[in-house]
Amino acid sequence: MKLKLDITPDLVAAMAAEVKAGEKAVTAAMREAGTGLKTAWRGQITGAGLGRRLANSIRSQTYPKSGESLNAAALVWSKAPVIVGAHNTGPLIRSKDGFWLAIPTEAAGRGLRGGKITPGEWERRRGLRLRFVYRRTGPSLLVAEGRLNSRGLGVASRSKTGRGRTTVPIFLLVPQVKLPKRLDLDRDAERALDSVPGLIVANWVEKRL
């Protein structure tokens, strides 16, 4: 028995069309999976009360950036990876010099550009010296001899007689702090990965209907 296979132009065209359909399906699936993961991560961040600005640091990109490919891929990342990563893992934070972490109280106010203020910056801006107060129970303190203004901020006293002057706690001093884990990014990443085969099939079949 002899078998003969003739590859006709129609068969070649059909195979080429099928490869093209596969490229479109894979690329579309990766784009959908990447966009869906970006949306899910942003939703987690805002849901955890971490703000829209941090949520918008989550970006996605499909590769290749133009055209279609059977090897298409999607990348989802954050432009603030340290902050997002910390809320995702809940790390134990220690002072890098081995001493204390200075946690500002409400009386300390905010630093430049709205960030957390440091003891050195506070002294420069307020013109007051901070004094260390050790406590056996509870965190130790950095305090200032001054007053609280109408906004509840520690400032220098204007009284020449000392009237109204008080000891104001400006910073709490702790050896370490455990940041609570507020995100579970791996959960959404696994769901996005599991969705890819179904998305590929759906996009491939849809082109046939």
N, C-alpha and C. Protein backbone atom coordinates (compact mmCIF):
# COMPACT_ATOMS: atom_id res chain seq x y z
N MET A 1 0.85 -1.18 0.00
CA MET A 1 0.00 0.00 0.00
C MET A 1 0.89 1.25 0.00
N LYS A 2 0.56 2.15 -0.86
CA LYS A 2 1.30 3.39 -0.93
C LYS A 2 0.39 4.56 -0.53
N LEU A 3 0.96 5.41 0.30
CA LEU A 3 0.23 6.62 0.72
C LEU A 3 0.94 7.83 0.16
N LYS A 4 0.16 8.76 -0.29
CA LYS A 4 0.72 9.96 -0.87
C LYS A 4 0.02 11.17 -0.27
N LEU A 5 0.82 12.14 0.17
CA LEU A 5 0.27 13.35 0.76
C LEU A 5 0.65 14.53 -0.09
N ASP A 6 -0.33 15.20 -0.59
CA ASP A 6 -0.10 16.41 -1.37
C ASP A 6 -0.50 17.62 -0.53
N ILE A 7 0.43 18.53 -0.32
CA ILE A 7 0.14 19.77 0.41
C ILE A 7 -0.30 20.81 -0.61
N THR A 8 -1.57 21.02 -0.64
CA THR A 8 -2.12 21.95 -1.62
C THR A 8 -2.00 23.37 -1.10
N PRO A 9 -2.05 24.34 -1.96
CA PRO A 9 -2.02 25.74 -1.51
C PRO A 9 -3.11 26.07 -0.51
N ASP A 10 -4.28 25.42 -0.65
CA ASP A 10 -5.38 25.69 0.28
C ASP A 10 -5.02 25.23 1.69
N LEU A 11 -4.33 24.06 1.81
CA LEU A 11 -3.94 23.55 3.12
C LEU A 11 -2.88 24.44 3.76
N VAL A 12 -1.94 24.89 2.96
CA VAL A 12 -0.90 25.79 3.47
C VAL A 12 -1.53 27.09 3.97
N ALA A 13 -2.46 27.61 3.22
CA ALA A 13 -3.13 28.85 3.62
C ALA A 13 -3.94 28.64 4.89
N ALA A 14 -4.59 27.45 4.99
CA ALA A 14 -5.39 27.16 6.18
C ALA A 14 -4.51 27.06 7.42
N MET A 15 -3.34 26.42 7.28
CA MET A 15 -2.42 26.30 8.41
C MET A 15 -1.88 27.66 8.82
N ALA A 16 -1.56 28.49 7.85
CA ALA A 16 -1.06 29.83 8.14
C ALA A 16 -2.13 30.65 8.86
N ALA A 17 -3.38 30.49 8.42
CA ALA A 17 -4.48 31.23 9.05
C ALA A 17 -4.68 30.76 10.49
N GLU A 18 -4.50 29.43 10.71
CA GLU A 18 -4.67 28.90 12.06
C GLU A 18 -3.57 29.42 13.00
N VAL A 19 -2.34 29.48 12.49
CA VAL A 19 -1.24 30.03 13.29
C VAL A 19 -1.53 31.50 13.62
N LYS A 20 -2.01 32.23 12.65
CA LYS A 20 -2.33 33.64 12.88
C LYS A 20 -3.43 33.79 13.92
N ALA A 21 -4.44 32.91 13.84
CA ALA A 21 -5.52 32.95 14.82
C ALA A 21 -4.99 32.63 16.22
N GLY A 22 -4.05 31.68 16.29
CA GLY A 22 -3.45 31.34 17.58
C GLY A 22 -2.66 32.50 18.15
N GLU A 23 -1.92 33.19 17.32
CA GLU A 23 -1.14 34.36 17.77
C GLU A 23 -2.07 35.43 18.35
N LYS A 24 -3.17 35.68 17.65
CA LYS A 24 -4.12 36.68 18.12
C LYS A 24 -4.77 36.24 19.43
N ALA A 25 -5.10 34.95 19.53
CA ALA A 25 -5.77 34.44 20.73
C ALA A 25 -4.86 34.51 21.95
N VAL A 26 -3.61 34.10 21.80
CA VAL A 26 -2.67 34.13 22.92
C VAL A 26 -2.39 35.55 23.36
N THR A 27 -2.18 36.44 22.40
CA THR A 27 -1.89 37.83 22.74
C THR A 27 -3.07 38.49 23.43
N ALA A 28 -4.28 38.23 22.92
CA ALA A 28 -5.48 38.80 23.55
C ALA A 28 -5.67 38.25 24.95
N ALA A 29 -5.39 36.95 25.13
CA ALA A 29 -5.55 36.32 26.45
C ALA A 29 -4.58 36.92 27.45
N MET A 30 -3.34 37.12 27.04
CA MET A 30 -2.34 37.68 27.96
C MET A 30 -2.68 39.13 28.29
N ARG A 31 -3.21 39.85 27.32
CA ARG A 31 -3.61 41.24 27.59
C ARG A 31 -4.75 41.27 28.61
N GLU A 32 -5.74 40.40 28.44
CA GLU A 32 -6.88 40.35 29.38
C GLU A 32 -6.41 39.93 30.77
N ALA A 33 -5.53 38.92 30.83
CA ALA A 33 -5.05 38.45 32.13
C ALA A 33 -4.25 39.54 32.84
N GLY A 34 -3.39 40.24 32.10
CA GLY A 34 -2.59 41.30 32.69
C GLY A 34 -3.43 42.47 33.18
N THR A 35 -4.40 42.87 32.37
CA THR A 35 -5.29 43.97 32.76
C THR A 35 -6.14 43.58 33.96
N GLY A 36 -6.60 42.33 33.96
CA GLY A 36 -7.41 41.86 35.09
C GLY A 36 -6.62 41.82 36.38
N LEU A 37 -5.35 41.39 36.30
CA LEU A 37 -4.51 41.36 37.50
C LEU A 37 -4.21 42.77 38.00
N LYS A 38 -3.96 43.68 37.08
CA LYS A 38 -3.73 45.07 37.47
C LYS A 38 -4.94 45.63 38.21
N THR A 39 -6.12 45.38 37.68
CA THR A 39 -7.35 45.85 38.31
C THR A 39 -7.54 45.23 39.69
N ALA A 40 -7.25 43.92 39.80
CA ALA A 40 -7.41 43.23 41.08
C ALA A 40 -6.45 43.78 42.12
N TRP A 41 -5.19 44.01 41.73
CA TRP A 41 -4.21 44.54 42.69
C TRP A 41 -4.58 45.96 43.12
N ARG A 42 -5.02 46.76 42.18
CA ARG A 42 -5.44 48.12 42.53
C ARG A 42 -6.62 48.08 43.50
N GLY A 43 -7.55 47.16 43.26
CA GLY A 43 -8.70 47.02 44.15
C GLY A 43 -8.29 46.61 45.55
N GLN A 44 -7.30 45.70 45.65
CA GLN A 44 -6.80 45.30 46.97
C GLN A 44 -6.21 46.49 47.72
N ILE A 45 -5.43 47.28 47.03
CA ILE A 45 -4.73 48.40 47.67
C ILE A 45 -5.72 49.44 48.17
N THR A 46 -6.69 49.82 47.34
CA THR A 46 -7.68 50.80 47.80
C THR A 46 -8.57 50.20 48.88
N GLY A 47 -8.89 48.91 48.76
CA GLY A 47 -9.71 48.24 49.76
C GLY A 47 -9.03 48.17 51.12
N ALA A 48 -7.70 48.15 51.11
CA ALA A 48 -6.94 48.11 52.36
C ALA A 48 -6.74 49.50 52.95
N GLY A 49 -7.29 50.52 52.27
CA GLY A 49 -7.18 51.88 52.78
C GLY A 49 -5.83 52.52 52.52
N LEU A 50 -5.09 52.03 51.52
CA LEU A 50 -3.75 52.56 51.25
C LEU A 50 -3.75 53.68 50.22
N GLY A 51 -4.90 54.03 49.72
CA GLY A 51 -5.00 55.22 48.87
C GLY A 51 -4.95 54.95 47.38
N ARG A 52 -5.60 55.85 46.64
CA ARG A 52 -5.65 55.74 45.19
C ARG A 52 -4.29 55.96 44.54
N ARG A 53 -3.47 56.82 45.14
CA ARG A 53 -2.16 57.11 44.55
C ARG A 53 -1.29 55.86 44.51
N LEU A 54 -1.25 55.10 45.62
CA LEU A 54 -0.46 53.88 45.63
C LEU A 54 -1.08 52.85 44.69
N ALA A 55 -2.40 52.79 44.64
CA ALA A 55 -3.07 51.84 43.75
C ALA A 55 -2.69 52.13 42.29
N ASN A 56 -2.61 53.39 41.93
CA ASN A 56 -2.28 53.75 40.56
C ASN A 56 -0.82 53.49 40.21
N SER A 57 -0.02 53.10 41.21
CA SER A 57 1.37 52.73 40.91
C SER A 57 1.44 51.36 40.23
N ILE A 58 0.33 50.60 40.26
CA ILE A 58 0.28 49.30 39.60
C ILE A 58 0.08 49.50 38.11
N ARG A 59 0.98 48.96 37.30
CA ARG A 59 0.92 49.10 35.85
C ARG A 59 0.98 47.72 35.19
N SER A 60 0.58 47.67 33.93
CA SER A 60 0.66 46.41 33.18
C SER A 60 1.11 46.71 31.75
N GLN A 61 1.77 45.71 31.14
CA GLN A 61 2.23 45.84 29.76
C GLN A 61 2.23 44.46 29.12
N THR A 62 1.70 44.39 27.90
CA THR A 62 1.69 43.14 27.14
C THR A 62 2.83 43.16 26.14
N TYR A 63 3.51 42.02 26.01
CA TYR A 63 4.61 41.88 25.04
C TYR A 63 4.27 40.78 24.05
N PRO A 64 4.58 40.98 22.76
CA PRO A 64 5.21 42.17 22.20
C PRO A 64 4.31 43.41 22.28
N LYS A 65 4.92 44.59 22.29
CA LYS A 65 4.14 45.81 22.43
C LYS A 65 3.28 46.08 21.20
N SER A 66 3.68 45.55 20.08
CA SER A 66 2.88 45.67 18.86
C SER A 66 2.86 44.33 18.14
N GLY A 67 1.76 44.02 17.48
CA GLY A 67 1.64 42.75 16.80
C GLY A 67 1.20 41.63 17.73
N GLU A 68 1.14 40.40 17.19
CA GLU A 68 0.71 39.24 17.98
C GLU A 68 1.78 38.17 17.94
N SER A 69 1.76 37.30 18.95
CA SER A 69 2.75 36.22 19.02
C SER A 69 2.21 35.07 19.85
N LEU A 70 2.61 33.83 19.47
CA LEU A 70 2.27 32.66 20.27
C LEU A 70 3.02 32.67 21.61
N ASN A 71 4.07 33.47 21.69
CA ASN A 71 4.86 33.59 22.91
C ASN A 71 4.57 34.89 23.66
N ALA A 72 3.38 35.44 23.46
CA ALA A 72 3.03 36.69 24.12
C ALA A 72 3.08 36.53 25.64
N ALA A 73 3.38 37.63 26.32
CA ALA A 73 3.48 37.62 27.78
C ALA A 73 2.94 38.93 28.33
N ALA A 74 2.58 38.90 29.59
CA ALA A 74 2.10 40.11 30.26
C ALA A 74 2.92 40.34 31.52
N LEU A 75 3.25 41.59 31.77
CA LEU A 75 4.00 41.97 32.96
C LEU A 75 3.17 42.95 33.77
N VAL A 76 2.99 42.66 35.06
CA VAL A 76 2.27 43.55 35.97
C VAL A 76 3.23 43.91 37.10
N TRP A 77 3.41 45.19 37.37
CA TRP A 77 4.38 45.63 38.37
C TRP A 77 3.90 46.90 39.06
N SER A 78 4.64 47.30 40.08
CA SER A 78 4.35 48.53 40.80
C SER A 78 5.51 49.51 40.64
N LYS A 79 5.19 50.78 40.50
CA LYS A 79 6.22 51.81 40.45
C LYS A 79 6.67 52.19 41.85
N ALA A 80 6.04 51.59 42.86
CA ALA A 80 6.45 51.78 44.26
C ALA A 80 6.62 50.40 44.90
N PRO A 81 7.57 49.59 44.39
CA PRO A 81 7.66 48.19 44.81
C PRO A 81 7.99 48.00 46.29
N VAL A 82 8.77 48.91 46.87
CA VAL A 82 9.16 48.76 48.27
C VAL A 82 7.95 48.90 49.18
N ILE A 83 7.12 49.92 48.91
CA ILE A 83 5.94 50.18 49.74
C ILE A 83 4.91 49.06 49.56
N VAL A 84 4.62 48.72 48.32
CA VAL A 84 3.64 47.67 48.05
C VAL A 84 4.13 46.33 48.60
N GLY A 85 5.42 46.04 48.40
CA GLY A 85 5.99 44.80 48.89
C GLY A 85 5.92 44.68 50.41
N ALA A 86 6.13 45.80 51.10
CA ALA A 86 6.07 45.79 52.57
C ALA A 86 4.66 45.46 53.05
N HIS A 87 3.66 46.05 52.43
CA HIS A 87 2.28 45.76 52.84
C HIS A 87 1.85 44.36 52.41
N ASN A 88 2.56 43.79 51.44
CA ASN A 88 2.22 42.44 50.99
C ASN A 88 2.85 41.36 51.87
N THR A 89 3.98 41.67 52.50
CA THR A 89 4.69 40.67 53.30
C THR A 89 4.56 40.90 54.81
N GLY A 90 4.29 42.15 55.24
CA GLY A 90 4.21 42.43 56.67
C GLY A 90 5.53 42.22 57.38
N PRO A 91 6.60 42.93 56.98
CA PRO A 91 7.92 42.67 57.55
C PRO A 91 8.10 43.25 58.95
N LEU A 92 9.12 42.76 59.63
CA LEU A 92 9.54 43.30 60.91
C LEU A 92 10.58 44.37 60.61
N ILE A 93 10.31 45.61 61.00
CA ILE A 93 11.18 46.73 60.67
C ILE A 93 12.00 47.11 61.89
N ARG A 94 13.32 47.15 61.72
CA ARG A 94 14.24 47.57 62.78
C ARG A 94 15.02 48.79 62.30
N SER A 95 15.53 49.55 63.25
CA SER A 95 16.38 50.67 62.92
C SER A 95 17.66 50.16 62.27
N LYS A 96 18.09 50.78 61.18
CA LYS A 96 19.27 50.30 60.47
C LYS A 96 20.56 50.53 61.26
N ASP A 97 20.55 51.46 62.23
CA ASP A 97 21.74 51.70 63.03
C ASP A 97 21.70 50.95 64.36
N GLY A 98 20.64 50.13 64.55
CA GLY A 98 20.56 49.29 65.73
C GLY A 98 20.05 49.97 66.98
N PHE A 99 19.51 51.18 66.87
CA PHE A 99 19.03 51.88 68.05
C PHE A 99 17.50 51.90 68.09
N TRP A 100 16.91 53.07 67.85
CA TRP A 100 15.46 53.22 67.99
C TRP A 100 14.82 53.61 66.67
N LEU A 101 13.56 53.26 66.55
CA LEU A 101 12.72 53.81 65.49
C LEU A 101 11.91 54.93 66.11
N ALA A 102 11.96 56.11 65.49
CA ALA A 102 11.24 57.27 66.00
C ALA A 102 9.90 57.39 65.27
N ILE A 103 8.82 57.15 66.00
CA ILE A 103 7.47 57.23 65.44
C ILE A 103 6.85 58.56 65.82
N PRO A 104 6.58 59.45 64.86
CA PRO A 104 6.04 60.77 65.21
C PRO A 104 4.63 60.69 65.77
N THR A 105 4.37 61.48 66.80
CA THR A 105 3.02 61.61 67.33
C THR A 105 2.28 62.67 66.52
N GLU A 106 1.00 62.88 66.82
CA GLU A 106 0.24 63.92 66.11
C GLU A 106 0.83 65.30 66.37
N ALA A 107 1.46 65.48 67.53
CA ALA A 107 2.05 66.78 67.87
C ALA A 107 3.29 67.08 67.03
N ALA A 108 3.85 66.06 66.39
CA ALA A 108 5.05 66.27 65.58
C ALA A 108 4.72 66.95 64.25
N GLY A 109 3.52 66.71 63.75
CA GLY A 109 3.17 67.27 62.44
C GLY A 109 3.76 66.43 61.32
N ARG A 110 3.75 67.01 60.12
CA ARG A 110 4.25 66.30 58.95
C ARG A 110 5.57 66.90 58.48
N GLY A 111 6.33 66.09 57.76
CA GLY A 111 7.59 66.55 57.21
C GLY A 111 7.39 67.26 55.89
N LEU A 112 8.49 67.54 55.21
CA LEU A 112 8.42 68.19 53.91
C LEU A 112 7.67 67.31 52.92
N ARG A 113 6.86 67.92 52.07
CA ARG A 113 6.06 67.23 51.07
C ARG A 113 5.08 66.24 51.70
N GLY A 114 4.71 66.47 52.94
CA GLY A 114 3.70 65.65 53.58
C GLY A 114 4.18 64.32 54.10
N GLY A 115 5.49 64.06 54.06
CA GLY A 115 6.02 62.79 54.53
C GLY A 115 6.20 62.78 56.04
N LYS A 116 6.67 61.65 56.57
CA LYS A 116 6.90 61.54 58.00
C LYS A 116 8.12 62.38 58.38
N ILE A 117 7.99 63.11 59.47
CA ILE A 117 9.06 63.99 59.90
C ILE A 117 10.04 63.22 60.78
N THR A 118 11.32 63.60 60.72
CA THR A 118 12.36 62.97 61.53
C THR A 118 12.69 63.88 62.71
N PRO A 119 13.30 63.34 63.78
CA PRO A 119 13.66 64.18 64.92
C PRO A 119 14.56 65.35 64.53
N GLY A 120 15.54 65.11 63.67
CA GLY A 120 16.43 66.18 63.26
C GLY A 120 15.70 67.29 62.52
N GLU A 121 14.81 66.90 61.61
CA GLU A 121 14.03 67.90 60.87
C GLU A 121 13.11 68.67 61.80
N TRP A 122 12.53 67.97 62.76
CA TRP A 122 11.61 68.64 63.69
C TRP A 122 12.35 69.71 64.50
N GLU A 123 13.54 69.39 64.99
CA GLU A 123 14.30 70.35 65.77
C GLU A 123 14.68 71.57 64.93
N ARG A 124 15.07 71.35 63.69
CA ARG A 124 15.44 72.46 62.82
C ARG A 124 14.25 73.37 62.53
N ARG A 125 13.10 72.78 62.30
CA ARG A 125 11.92 73.58 61.93
C ARG A 125 11.29 74.28 63.12
N ARG A 126 11.31 73.66 64.29
CA ARG A 126 10.66 74.23 65.47
C ARG A 126 11.59 75.07 66.34
N GLY A 127 12.89 74.89 66.16
CA GLY A 127 13.82 75.64 66.98
C GLY A 127 13.86 75.18 68.42
N LEU A 128 13.49 73.95 68.67
CA LEU A 128 13.48 73.38 70.01
C LEU A 128 14.33 72.12 70.04
N ARG A 129 14.88 71.82 71.21
CA ARG A 129 15.64 70.60 71.38
C ARG A 129 14.74 69.51 71.94
N LEU A 130 14.94 68.32 71.47
CA LEU A 130 14.19 67.17 71.97
C LEU A 130 14.96 66.52 73.12
N ARG A 131 14.22 66.05 74.08
CA ARG A 131 14.81 65.42 75.26
C ARG A 131 14.34 63.97 75.36
N PHE A 132 15.30 63.08 75.63
CA PHE A 132 14.99 61.65 75.73
C PHE A 132 14.41 61.32 77.10
N VAL A 133 13.30 60.58 77.10
CA VAL A 133 12.68 60.13 78.34
C VAL A 133 12.53 58.62 78.26
N TYR A 134 13.25 57.94 79.14
CA TYR A 134 13.19 56.47 79.16
C TYR A 134 12.01 56.01 80.00
N ARG A 135 11.29 55.00 79.51
CA ARG A 135 10.19 54.41 80.27
C ARG A 135 10.38 52.90 80.31
N ARG A 136 10.22 52.33 81.49
CA ARG A 136 10.41 50.89 81.64
C ARG A 136 9.29 50.11 80.97
N THR A 137 8.08 50.63 81.03
CA THR A 137 6.94 49.99 80.37
C THR A 137 6.42 50.93 79.28
N GLY A 138 6.17 50.39 78.12
CA GLY A 138 5.73 51.22 77.01
C GLY A 138 6.92 51.84 76.30
N PRO A 139 6.69 52.46 75.17
CA PRO A 139 7.78 53.06 74.40
C PRO A 139 8.40 54.26 75.13
N SER A 140 9.71 54.45 74.95
CA SER A 140 10.37 55.64 75.45
C SER A 140 9.97 56.81 74.57
N LEU A 141 10.35 58.03 74.96
CA LEU A 141 9.85 59.23 74.29
C LEU A 141 10.97 60.20 73.95
N LEU A 142 10.72 61.01 72.93
CA LEU A 142 11.45 62.25 72.70
C LEU A 142 10.44 63.37 72.93
N VAL A 143 10.71 64.23 73.90
CA VAL A 143 9.76 65.28 74.27
C VAL A 143 10.40 66.64 74.07
N ALA A 144 9.56 67.66 74.03
CA ALA A 144 10.02 69.04 73.92
C ALA A 144 9.30 69.88 74.98
N GLU A 145 10.00 70.86 75.49
CA GLU A 145 9.39 71.80 76.44
C GLU A 145 8.80 72.96 75.64
N GLY A 146 7.50 72.95 75.47
CA GLY A 146 6.85 73.98 74.67
C GLY A 146 5.37 74.03 74.96
N ARG A 147 4.57 74.06 73.89
CA ARG A 147 3.12 74.11 74.05
C ARG A 147 2.48 73.50 72.81
N LEU A 148 1.20 73.24 72.91
CA LEU A 148 0.42 72.79 71.77
C LEU A 148 -0.33 73.97 71.18
N ASN A 149 -0.18 74.18 69.87
CA ASN A 149 -0.92 75.28 69.25
C ASN A 149 -2.35 74.86 68.94
N SER A 150 -3.09 75.72 68.26
CA SER A 150 -4.51 75.45 67.99
C SER A 150 -4.72 74.24 67.10
N ARG A 151 -3.70 73.82 66.37
CA ARG A 151 -3.80 72.65 65.49
C ARG A 151 -3.26 71.39 66.17
N GLY A 152 -2.90 71.51 67.44
CA GLY A 152 -2.41 70.35 68.17
C GLY A 152 -0.98 70.01 67.90
N LEU A 153 -0.20 70.97 67.38
CA LEU A 153 1.21 70.74 67.07
C LEU A 153 2.09 71.29 68.17
N GLY A 154 3.18 70.58 68.46
CA GLY A 154 4.12 71.06 69.44
C GLY A 154 4.96 72.20 68.89
N VAL A 155 4.95 73.36 69.58
CA VAL A 155 5.70 74.54 69.13
C VAL A 155 6.34 75.18 70.36
N ALA A 156 7.22 76.14 70.08
CA ALA A 156 7.88 76.87 71.17
C ALA A 156 6.88 77.75 71.90
N SER A 157 7.07 77.87 73.20
CA SER A 157 6.19 78.72 74.00
C SER A 157 6.56 80.18 73.80
N ARG A 158 5.54 81.04 73.69
CA ARG A 158 5.78 82.48 73.53
C ARG A 158 5.82 83.22 74.86
N SER A 159 5.44 82.53 75.90
CA SER A 159 5.37 83.17 77.22
C SER A 159 6.75 83.35 77.82
N LYS A 160 7.05 84.58 78.29
CA LYS A 160 8.32 84.85 78.94
C LYS A 160 8.33 84.35 80.38
N THR A 161 7.16 84.15 80.95
CA THR A 161 7.06 83.70 82.34
C THR A 161 6.96 82.18 82.44
N GLY A 162 6.77 81.53 81.30
CA GLY A 162 6.65 80.07 81.31
C GLY A 162 5.23 79.60 81.45
N ARG A 163 4.29 80.54 81.47
CA ARG A 163 2.89 80.16 81.60
C ARG A 163 2.44 79.39 80.36
N GLY A 164 1.75 78.28 80.59
CA GLY A 164 1.25 77.47 79.49
C GLY A 164 2.27 76.51 78.93
N ARG A 165 3.50 76.61 79.41
CA ARG A 165 4.54 75.71 78.91
C ARG A 165 4.32 74.31 79.49
N THR A 166 4.53 73.30 78.67
CA THR A 166 4.31 71.93 79.11
C THR A 166 5.28 71.00 78.39
N THR A 167 5.39 69.79 78.86
CA THR A 167 6.23 68.78 78.21
C THR A 167 5.38 68.05 77.18
N VAL A 168 5.76 68.18 75.93
CA VAL A 168 4.97 67.62 74.82
C VAL A 168 5.68 66.42 74.23
N PRO A 169 5.08 65.21 74.26
CA PRO A 169 5.66 64.05 73.57
C PRO A 169 5.61 64.26 72.05
N ILE A 170 6.77 64.22 71.42
CA ILE A 170 6.86 64.46 69.98
C ILE A 170 7.09 63.16 69.21
N PHE A 171 7.90 62.27 69.76
CA PHE A 171 8.18 60.98 69.10
C PHE A 171 8.10 59.85 70.11
N LEU A 172 7.56 58.71 69.65
CA LEU A 172 7.64 57.46 70.40
C LEU A 172 8.86 56.71 69.90
N LEU A 173 9.63 56.12 70.81
CA LEU A 173 10.83 55.39 70.44
C LEU A 173 10.62 53.90 70.70
N VAL A 174 10.75 53.10 69.66
CA VAL A 174 10.57 51.65 69.79
C VAL A 174 11.75 50.96 69.10
N PRO A 175 12.17 49.79 69.59
CA PRO A 175 13.30 49.09 68.96
C PRO A 175 12.94 48.48 67.61
N GLN A 176 11.67 48.14 67.43
CA GLN A 176 11.22 47.53 66.17
C GLN A 176 9.71 47.64 66.08
N VAL A 177 9.21 47.48 64.86
CA VAL A 177 7.77 47.51 64.67
C VAL A 177 7.39 46.49 63.60
N LYS A 178 6.31 45.77 63.84
CA LYS A 178 5.83 44.76 62.88
C LYS A 178 4.75 45.39 62.02
N LEU A 179 5.05 45.53 60.73
CA LEU A 179 4.07 46.10 59.81
C LEU A 179 3.01 45.05 59.50
N PRO A 180 1.74 45.36 59.69
CA PRO A 180 0.70 44.35 59.43
C PRO A 180 0.62 44.02 57.93
N LYS A 181 0.37 42.76 57.65
CA LYS A 181 0.19 42.33 56.26
C LYS A 181 -1.21 42.71 55.83
N ARG A 182 -1.30 43.61 54.85
CA ARG A 182 -2.59 44.13 54.44
C ARG A 182 -2.96 43.71 53.02
N LEU A 183 -2.06 43.07 52.31
CA LEU A 183 -2.32 42.67 50.93
C LEU A 183 -1.98 41.19 50.75
N ASP A 184 -2.61 40.57 49.75
CA ASP A 184 -2.30 39.20 49.35
C ASP A 184 -2.23 39.18 47.82
N LEU A 185 -1.14 39.70 47.29
CA LEU A 185 -1.01 39.84 45.84
C LEU A 185 -0.83 38.48 45.16
N ASP A 186 -0.21 37.52 45.86
CA ASP A 186 -0.01 36.20 45.26
C ASP A 186 -1.34 35.53 44.92
N ARG A 187 -2.34 35.75 45.74
CA ARG A 187 -3.66 35.14 45.51
C ARG A 187 -4.21 35.57 44.15
N ASP A 188 -4.18 36.86 43.87
CA ASP A 188 -4.72 37.35 42.60
C ASP A 188 -3.82 36.94 41.43
N ALA A 189 -2.50 36.87 41.66
CA ALA A 189 -1.59 36.46 40.60
C ALA A 189 -1.85 35.01 40.19
N GLU A 190 -2.10 34.15 41.17
CA GLU A 190 -2.40 32.74 40.87
C GLU A 190 -3.72 32.61 40.10
N ARG A 191 -4.71 33.42 40.48
CA ARG A 191 -5.98 33.38 39.77
C ARG A 191 -5.81 33.83 38.32
N ALA A 192 -5.00 34.86 38.11
CA ALA A 192 -4.76 35.35 36.75
C ALA A 192 -4.06 34.28 35.93
N LEU A 193 -3.08 33.61 36.53
CA LEU A 193 -2.34 32.56 35.82
C LEU A 193 -3.27 31.40 35.46
N ASP A 194 -4.13 31.01 36.38
CA ASP A 194 -5.06 29.90 36.13
C ASP A 194 -6.07 30.23 35.04
N SER A 195 -6.33 31.52 34.84
CA SER A 195 -7.34 31.93 33.86
C SER A 195 -6.82 31.92 32.43
N VAL A 196 -5.50 31.87 32.25
CA VAL A 196 -4.91 32.04 30.92
C VAL A 196 -5.37 30.97 29.93
N PRO A 197 -5.31 29.65 30.25
CA PRO A 197 -5.75 28.66 29.25
C PRO A 197 -7.18 28.89 28.78
N GLY A 198 -8.07 29.18 29.69
CA GLY A 198 -9.46 29.42 29.30
C GLY A 198 -9.60 30.65 28.43
N LEU A 199 -8.83 31.68 28.72
CA LEU A 199 -8.88 32.90 27.91
C LEU A 199 -8.37 32.64 26.49
N ILE A 200 -7.32 31.82 26.39
CA ILE A 200 -6.79 31.50 25.06
C ILE A 200 -7.83 30.76 24.24
N VAL A 201 -8.45 29.75 24.85
CA VAL A 201 -9.47 28.98 24.13
C VAL A 201 -10.64 29.86 23.74
N ALA A 202 -11.07 30.70 24.68
CA ALA A 202 -12.22 31.57 24.41
C ALA A 202 -11.93 32.51 23.25
N ASN A 203 -10.76 33.10 23.23
CA ASN A 203 -10.40 34.01 22.14
C ASN A 203 -10.21 33.29 20.82
N TRP A 204 -9.73 32.05 20.88
CA TRP A 204 -9.50 31.29 19.65
C TRP A 204 -10.84 30.84 19.05
N VAL A 205 -11.72 30.32 19.90
CA VAL A 205 -13.02 29.84 19.43
C VAL A 205 -13.88 31.00 18.95
N GLU A 206 -13.79 32.13 19.65
CA GLU A 206 -14.63 33.28 19.30
C GLU A 206 -14.36 33.72 17.87
N LYS A 207 -13.11 33.61 17.43
CA LYS A 207 -12.78 34.01 16.06
C LYS A 207 -13.37 33.07 15.03
N ARG A 208 -13.77 31.87 15.49
CA ARG A 208 -14.31 30.90 14.55
C ARG A 208 -15.82 31.01 14.42
N LEU A 209 -16.44 31.73 15.36
CA LEU A 209 -17.92 31.82 15.35
C LEU A 209 -18.39 32.99 14.50
